[in-house]
C-alpha atoms as a PDB file:
ATOM      1  CA  MET A   1      -0.017  -0.118   0.068  1.00  0.00           C
ATOM      2  CA  GLU A   2       1.004   3.690  -0.668  1.00  0.00           C
ATOM      3  CA  MET A   3       0.985   4.825   3.072  1.00  0.00           C
ATOM      4  CA  ILE A   4       4.487   2.025   3.408  1.00  0.00           C
ATOM      5  CA  LYS A   5       6.274   4.858   2.103  1.00  0.00           C
ATOM      6  CA  GLY A   6       5.535   6.774   5.309  1.00  0.00           C
ATOM      7  CA  ILE A   7       7.347   4.172   7.807  1.00  0.00           C
ATOM      8  CA  LYS A   8      10.960   4.829   8.201  1.00  0.00           C
ATOM      9  CA  GLY A   9      13.131   2.785   5.495  1.00  0.00           C
ATOM     10  CA  HIS A  10      10.443   1.170   3.456  1.00  0.00           C
ATOM     11  CA  GLY A  11       8.887   1.342  -0.027  1.00  0.00           C
ATOM     12  CA  TYR A  12       6.185   0.420  -1.865  1.00  0.00           C
ATOM     13  CA  TYR A  13       7.535  -2.920  -2.531  1.00  0.00           C
ATOM     14  CA  ASP A  14       8.770  -3.952   0.975  1.00  0.00           C
ATOM     15  CA  GLU A  15       7.134  -6.122   3.712  1.00  0.00           C
ATOM     16  CA  LEU A  16       6.658  -4.264   6.957  1.00  0.00           C
ATOM     17  CA  VAL A  17       7.272  -6.525   9.559  1.00  0.00           C
ATOM     18  CA  VAL A  18       5.969  -5.374  13.309  1.00  0.00           C
ATOM     19  CA  PRO A  19       6.695  -7.412  16.239  1.00  0.00           C
ATOM     20  CA  ILE A  20       4.117  -8.480  18.546  1.00  0.00           C
ATOM     21  CA  ILE A  21       4.887  -9.013  22.174  1.00  0.00           C
ATOM     22  CA  GLU A  22       2.806 -10.457  25.235  1.00  0.00           C
ATOM     23  CA  ASN A  23       1.305  -8.004  27.558  1.00  0.00           C
ATOM     24  CA  THR A  24       2.037  -7.913  31.276  1.00  0.00           C
ATOM     25  CA  ALA A  25       0.164  -6.692  34.240  1.00  0.00           C
ATOM     26  CA  TYR A  26       2.632  -3.648  34.602  1.00  0.00           C
ATOM     27  CA  GLU A  27       3.828  -1.859  31.710  1.00  0.00           C
ATOM     28  CA  TYR A  28       7.095  -1.630  33.516  1.00  0.00           C
ATOM     29  CA  GLU A  29       7.261  -5.241  32.775  1.00  0.00           C
ATOM     30  CA  LEU A  30       7.628  -5.235  29.117  1.00  0.00           C
ATOM     31  CA  THR A  31      10.999  -3.462  29.528  1.00  0.00           C
ATOM     32  CA  GLU A  32      12.782  -6.869  28.398  1.00  0.00           C
ATOM     33  CA  ALA A  33      10.246  -8.272  25.723  1.00  0.00           C
ATOM     34  CA  LEU A  34      10.150  -4.555  24.030  1.00  0.00           C
ATOM     35  CA  ALA A  35      14.036  -4.367  24.079  1.00  0.00           C
ATOM     36  CA  LYS A  36      14.200  -7.961  22.414  1.00  0.00           C
ATOM     37  CA  ALA A  37      11.687  -7.040  19.942  1.00  0.00           C
ATOM     38  CA  ILE A  38      13.463  -4.008  18.792  1.00  0.00           C
ATOM     39  CA  GLU A  39      17.064  -5.642  18.777  1.00  0.00           C
ATOM     40  CA  ALA A  40      15.339  -8.564  16.523  1.00  0.00           C
ATOM     41  CA  TYR A  41      13.646  -6.336  14.336  1.00  0.00           C
ATOM     42  CA  THR A  42      16.362  -3.756  13.934  1.00  0.00           C
ATOM     43  CA  LYS A  43      14.322  -1.407  11.005  1.00  0.00           C
ATOM     44  CA  THR A  44      11.197  -1.272  13.403  1.00  0.00           C
ATOM     45  CA  THR A  45       9.979   1.819  14.576  1.00  0.00           C
ATOM     46  CA  ALA A  46       6.644   0.339  16.152  1.00  0.00           C
ATOM     47  CA  VAL A  47       6.226  -2.595  18.720  1.00  0.00           C
ATOM     48  CA  LEU A  48       2.597  -4.231  19.516  1.00  0.00           C
ATOM     49  CA  VAL A  49       1.810  -5.158  22.358  1.00  0.00           C
ATOM     50  CA  ARG A  50      -1.059  -7.755  22.614  1.00  0.00           C
ATOM     51  CA  ASN A  51      -4.778  -6.945  24.180  1.00  0.00           C
ATOM     52  CA  HIS A  52      -2.813  -3.889  25.069  1.00  0.00           C
ATOM     53  CA  GLY A  53      -1.954  -1.376  21.933  1.00  0.00           C
ATOM     54  CA  ILE A  54       1.045  -0.272  20.208  1.00  0.00           C
ATOM     55  CA  TYR A  55       4.472   1.908  21.123  1.00  0.00           C
ATOM     56  CA  VAL A  56       5.805   4.033  18.476  1.00  0.00           C
ATOM     57  CA  TRP A  57       8.988   5.898  18.058  1.00  0.00           C
ATOM     58  CA  GLY A  58      10.718   8.173  15.922  1.00  0.00           C
ATOM     59  CA  ASP A  59      13.711  10.882  15.726  1.00  0.00           C
ATOM     60  CA  SER A  60      10.829  13.603  16.980  1.00  0.00           C
ATOM     61  CA  TRP A  61       7.772  13.887  18.476  1.00  0.00           C
ATOM     62  CA  ILE A  62       6.648  15.268  14.807  1.00  0.00           C
ATOM     63  CA  SER A  63       8.303  12.433  12.920  1.00  0.00           C
ATOM     64  CA  ALA A  64       6.500   9.671  16.072  1.00  0.00           C
ATOM     65  CA  LYS A  65       3.154  11.264  15.100  1.00  0.00           C
ATOM     66  CA  THR A  66       3.449  10.543  11.337  1.00  0.00           C
ATOM     67  CA  LEU A  67       4.569   7.255  11.975  1.00  0.00           C
ATOM     68  CA  ALA A  68       1.762   6.673  14.038  1.00  0.00           C
ATOM     69  CA  GLU A  69      -0.843   7.756  11.661  1.00  0.00           C
ATOM     70  CA  CYS A  70       0.574   5.371   8.637  1.00  0.00           C
ATOM     71  CA  TYR A  71       0.535   2.572  11.145  1.00  0.00           C
ATOM     72  CA  HIS A  72      -2.708   3.048  12.039  1.00  0.00           C
ATOM     73  CA  TYR A  73      -3.974   3.366   8.263  1.00  0.00           C
ATOM     74  CA  LEU A  74      -2.161   0.207   6.788  1.00  0.00           C
ATOM     75  CA  PHE A  75      -3.432  -1.584   9.792  1.00  0.00           C
ATOM     76  CA  ASP A  76      -7.117  -0.189   9.439  1.00  0.00           C
ATOM     77  CA  ALA A  77      -6.700  -1.052   5.420  1.00  0.00           C
ATOM     78  CA  THR A  78      -5.597  -4.706   5.997  1.00  0.00           C
ATOM     79  CA  ILE A  79      -8.706  -5.653   8.654  1.00  0.00           C
ATOM     80  CA  LYS A  80     -10.915  -3.937   5.805  1.00  0.00           C
ATOM     81  CA  LEU A  81      -8.825  -5.950   3.429  1.00  0.00           C
ATOM     82  CA  HIS A  82      -9.301  -9.004   5.150  1.00  0.00           C
ATOM     83  CA  GLN A  83     -13.120  -8.461   6.411  1.00  0.00           C
ATOM     84  CA  LEU A  84     -13.612  -8.076   2.676  1.00  0.00           C
ATOM     85  CA  GLY A  85     -12.049 -11.377   1.777  1.00  0.00           C
ATOM     86  CA  LEU A  86      -9.209 -10.024  -0.429  1.00  0.00           C
ATOM     87  CA  ASP A  87      -5.693 -10.943  -0.315  1.00  0.00           C
ATOM     88  CA  TRP A  88      -3.915  -8.092   1.568  1.00  0.00           C
ATOM     89  CA  SER A  89      -0.352  -9.484   1.289  1.00  0.00           C
ATOM     90  CA  THR A  90       0.054  -9.067  -2.447  1.00  0.00           C
ATOM     91  CA  PRO A  91      -0.192  -5.419  -4.338  1.00  0.00           C
ATOM     92  CA  ASN A  92      -2.742  -6.202  -6.318  1.00  0.00           C
ATOM     93  CA  HIS A  93      -5.387  -7.572  -3.097  1.00  0.00           C
ATOM     94  CA  GLY A  94      -6.302 -10.976  -4.823  1.00  0.00           C
ATOM     95  CA  PRO A  95      -9.874 -11.614  -5.928  1.00  0.00           C
ATOM     96  CA  ILE A  96     -12.809 -11.565  -3.542  1.00  0.00           C
ATOM     97  CA  GLN A  97     -13.196 -15.082  -2.216  1.00  0.00           C
ATOM     98  CA  SER A  98     -17.184 -14.828  -2.539  1.00  0.00           C
ATOM     99  CA  ILE A  99     -19.703 -12.325  -2.845  1.00  0.00           C
ATOM    100  CA  ARG A 100     -21.075 -13.224   0.753  1.00  0.00           C
ATOM    101  CA  SER A 101     -17.925 -11.706   2.168  1.00  0.00           C
ATOM    102  CA  LEU A 102     -18.628  -8.811   0.181  1.00  0.00           C
ATOM    103  CA  MET A 103     -22.262  -8.356   1.507  1.00  0.00           C
ATOM    104  CA  ILE A 104     -21.092  -9.479   5.114  1.00  0.00           C
ATOM    105  CA  ALA A 105     -18.718  -6.424   5.383  1.00  0.00           C
ATOM    106  CA  GLY A 106     -21.212  -3.688   4.141  1.00  0.00           C
ATOM    107  CA  GLU A 107     -22.483  -1.729   1.173  1.00  0.00           C
ATOM    108  CA  SER A 108     -21.151   1.223  -0.178  1.00  0.00           C
ATOM    109  CA  ASN A 109     -21.809   4.717   1.279  1.00  0.00           C
ATOM    110  CA  ALA A 110     -22.792   5.782  -2.373  1.00  0.00           C
ATOM    111  CA  SER A 111     -25.858   2.472  -2.509  1.00  0.00           C
ATOM    112  CA  ASP A 112     -26.735   3.464   0.773  1.00  0.00           C
ATOM    113  CA  LYS A 113     -27.331   7.215  -0.030  1.00  0.00           C
ATOM    114  CA  THR A 114     -29.241   6.302  -2.958  1.00  0.00           C
ATOM    115  CA  ARG A 115     -31.393   3.661  -1.079  1.00  0.00           C
ATOM    116  CA  LYS A 116     -32.180   6.731   1.694  1.00  0.00           C
ATOM    117  CA  ALA A 117     -33.085   9.022  -1.115  1.00  0.00           C
ATOM    118  CA  ASN A 118     -35.400   7.362  -2.554  1.00  0.00           C
ATOM    119  CA  GLY A 119     -36.712   6.326   0.572  1.00  0.00           C
ATOM    120  CA  GLU A 120     -35.547   2.515   1.281  1.00  0.00           C
ATOM    121  CA  ILE A 121     -33.578   3.171   4.015  1.00  0.00           C
ATOM    122  CA  ASP A 122     -35.023   4.879   7.332  1.00  0.00           C
ATOM    123  CA  PRO A 123     -32.422   8.052   7.851  1.00  0.00           C
ATOM    124  CA  PHE A 124     -33.285   8.170  11.312  1.00  0.00           C
ATOM    125  CA  PRO A 125     -34.203   4.337  12.836  1.00  0.00           C
ATOM    126  CA  VAL A 126     -35.711   3.782  16.283  1.00  0.00           C
ATOM    127  CA  ARG A 127     -33.392   1.398  18.147  1.00  0.00           C
END
């Protein structure tokens, strides 16, 4: 994906690897696992902590913020592609596995807008 270029040291055709470490009861207990992940993955600028969140760092707070935004975009896009049944691991994303997965993931905003305009969808549903 194009946004990978925002991750230091990565280009469009590169593979982005983000290590995942196990969570602990206290953040200070993550120090050793975090250090090992950074040492093992020298190109990384982020580490995911299972069931906790992510640590992101950069040369400055502006760099760290930019990296965090890029990671957020890439993670979100990967999840959406997976939900649509698309192969997120290749640049062309592969074919849709089934129309059912596409329907489960939801309809496009355009079709919803058309259906609302035609009175087919209540814009203020009662729940």
